[in-house]
Amino acid sequence: MYDQRTNDEIDQAFRQAERRVEILIVGQLYVIDFENMEQYRLNDTQRRRRIKYDLISAPKKGVAGLKLDPQR
């Protein structure tokens, strides 16, 4: 899960059937690759993380790399 602004930008690109989108996350430029459902830094393409497109109501571990408080 991403912050709301980033999430909206990714969602818009996905709905417009773009193959990928570049976004700024915590001062780093990332690529969200919809074809391979991966996220990676633009300057480090070797380290990739799988992503999934999910409902906003789905359970989450955290937002933008920060763990959520499990007692919430």
C-alpha atoms as a PDB file:
ATOM      1  CA  MET A   1       0.000   0.000   0.000  1.00  0.00           C
ATOM      2  CA  TYR A   2       1.162   3.514  -0.791  1.00  0.00           C
ATOM      3  CA  ASP A   3       0.178   6.930   0.480  1.00  0.00           C
ATOM      4  CA  GLN A   4      -3.081   8.240  -1.006  1.00  0.00           C
ATOM      5  CA  ARG A   5      -1.492  10.545  -3.617  1.00  0.00           C
ATOM      6  CA  THR A   6       0.829   7.795  -4.874  1.00  0.00           C
ATOM      7  CA  ASN A   7      -1.963   5.238  -4.796  1.00  0.00           C
ATOM      8  CA  ASP A   8      -4.170   7.526  -6.917  1.00  0.00           C
ATOM      9  CA  GLU A   9      -1.349   8.039  -9.443  1.00  0.00           C
ATOM     10  CA  ILE A  10      -0.717   4.274  -9.712  1.00  0.00           C
ATOM     11  CA  ASP A  11      -4.433   3.511  -9.954  1.00  0.00           C
ATOM     12  CA  GLN A  12      -4.912   6.041 -12.748  1.00  0.00           C
ATOM     13  CA  ALA A  13      -2.017   4.579 -14.752  1.00  0.00           C
ATOM     14  CA  PHE A  14      -3.317   1.036 -14.220  1.00  0.00           C
ATOM     15  CA  ARG A  15      -6.851   1.961 -15.314  1.00  0.00           C
ATOM     16  CA  GLN A  16      -5.477   3.666 -18.435  1.00  0.00           C
ATOM     17  CA  ALA A  17      -3.731   0.369 -19.309  1.00  0.00           C
ATOM     18  CA  GLU A  18      -0.247   1.868 -19.147  1.00  0.00           C
ATOM     19  CA  ARG A  19       2.540  -0.713 -19.133  1.00  0.00           C
ATOM     20  CA  ARG A  20       4.416   1.050 -16.340  1.00  0.00           C
ATOM     21  CA  VAL A  21       4.526   4.242 -14.317  1.00  0.00           C
ATOM     22  CA  GLU A  22       7.413   6.081 -12.650  1.00  0.00           C
ATOM     23  CA  ILE A  23       6.690   7.509  -9.212  1.00  0.00           C
ATOM     24  CA  LEU A  24       8.636   9.282  -6.499  1.00  0.00           C
ATOM     25  CA  ILE A  25       8.579   7.444  -3.144  1.00  0.00           C
ATOM     26  CA  VAL A  26      10.538   8.851  -0.192  1.00  0.00           C
ATOM     27  CA  GLY A  27      12.922  10.733  -2.496  1.00  0.00           C
ATOM     28  CA  GLN A  28      13.601   7.724  -4.750  1.00  0.00           C
ATOM     29  CA  LEU A  29      12.291   7.239  -8.274  1.00  0.00           C
ATOM     30  CA  TYR A  30      10.533   3.876  -8.616  1.00  0.00           C
ATOM     31  CA  VAL A  31       9.049   2.027 -11.563  1.00  0.00           C
ATOM     32  CA  ILE A  32       5.759   0.221 -11.140  1.00  0.00           C
ATOM     33  CA  ASP A  33       5.756  -2.402 -13.906  1.00  0.00           C
ATOM     34  CA  PHE A  34       2.188  -3.575 -14.515  1.00  0.00           C
ATOM     35  CA  GLU A  35       3.166  -6.210 -17.094  1.00  0.00           C
ATOM     36  CA  ASN A  36       5.319  -8.100 -14.581  1.00  0.00           C
ATOM     37  CA  MET A  37       3.552  -6.774 -11.446  1.00  0.00           C
ATOM     38  CA  GLU A  38       6.855  -5.595  -9.967  1.00  0.00           C
ATOM     39  CA  GLN A  39       8.248  -2.492  -8.327  1.00  0.00           C
ATOM     40  CA  TYR A  40      11.907  -1.462  -8.502  1.00  0.00           C
ATOM     41  CA  ARG A  41      14.110   1.586  -8.180  1.00  0.00           C
ATOM     42  CA  LEU A  42      14.885   3.211 -11.477  1.00  0.00           C
ATOM     43  CA  ASN A  43      18.610   3.223 -10.641  1.00  0.00           C
ATOM     44  CA  ASP A  44      18.657  -0.379  -9.275  1.00  0.00           C
ATOM     45  CA  THR A  45      16.751  -2.719 -11.563  1.00  0.00           C
ATOM     46  CA  GLN A  46      18.234  -5.871  -9.961  1.00  0.00           C
ATOM     47  CA  ARG A  47      16.254  -5.526  -6.721  1.00  0.00           C
ATOM     48  CA  ARG A  48      12.615  -6.098  -7.572  1.00  0.00           C
ATOM     49  CA  ARG A  49       9.566  -6.562  -5.398  1.00  0.00           C
ATOM     50  CA  ARG A  50       6.334  -8.247  -6.412  1.00  0.00           C
ATOM     51  CA  ILE A  51       3.218  -6.087  -6.236  1.00  0.00           C
ATOM     52  CA  LYS A  52      -0.471  -6.841  -6.430  1.00  0.00           C
ATOM     53  CA  TYR A  53      -3.494  -4.795  -7.344  1.00  0.00           C
ATOM     54  CA  ASP A  54      -5.927  -5.093  -4.473  1.00  0.00           C
ATOM     55  CA  LEU A  55      -9.025  -3.479  -3.030  1.00  0.00           C
ATOM     56  CA  ILE A  56      -8.507  -0.598  -0.607  1.00  0.00           C
ATOM     57  CA  SER A  57     -10.397  -2.631   1.996  1.00  0.00           C
ATOM     58  CA  ALA A  58      -7.974  -5.598   1.826  1.00  0.00           C
ATOM     59  CA  PRO A  59      -5.845  -6.332   4.937  1.00  0.00           C
ATOM     60  CA  LYS A  60      -2.516  -4.475   5.008  1.00  0.00           C
ATOM     61  CA  LYS A  61       0.835  -4.886   6.751  1.00  0.00           C
ATOM     62  CA  GLY A  62       1.846  -1.250   6.372  1.00  0.00           C
ATOM     63  CA  VAL A  63       1.994   1.873   4.232  1.00  0.00           C
ATOM     64  CA  ALA A  64       5.025   2.921   2.147  1.00  0.00           C
ATOM     65  CA  GLY A  65       7.337   0.546   3.996  1.00  0.00           C
ATOM     66  CA  LEU A  66       6.120   1.516   7.484  1.00  0.00           C
ATOM     67  CA  LYS A  67       4.420  -1.198   9.528  1.00  0.00           C
ATOM     68  CA  LEU A  68       0.921  -0.440  10.760  1.00  0.00           C
ATOM     69  CA  ASP A  69       0.115  -0.676  14.452  1.00  0.00           C
ATOM     70  CA  PRO A  70      -1.513  -4.136  14.791  1.00  0.00           C
ATOM     71  CA  GLN A  71      -3.749  -2.894  17.642  1.00  0.00           C
ATOM     72  CA  ARG A  72      -5.594  -0.442  15.361  1.00  0.00           C
END
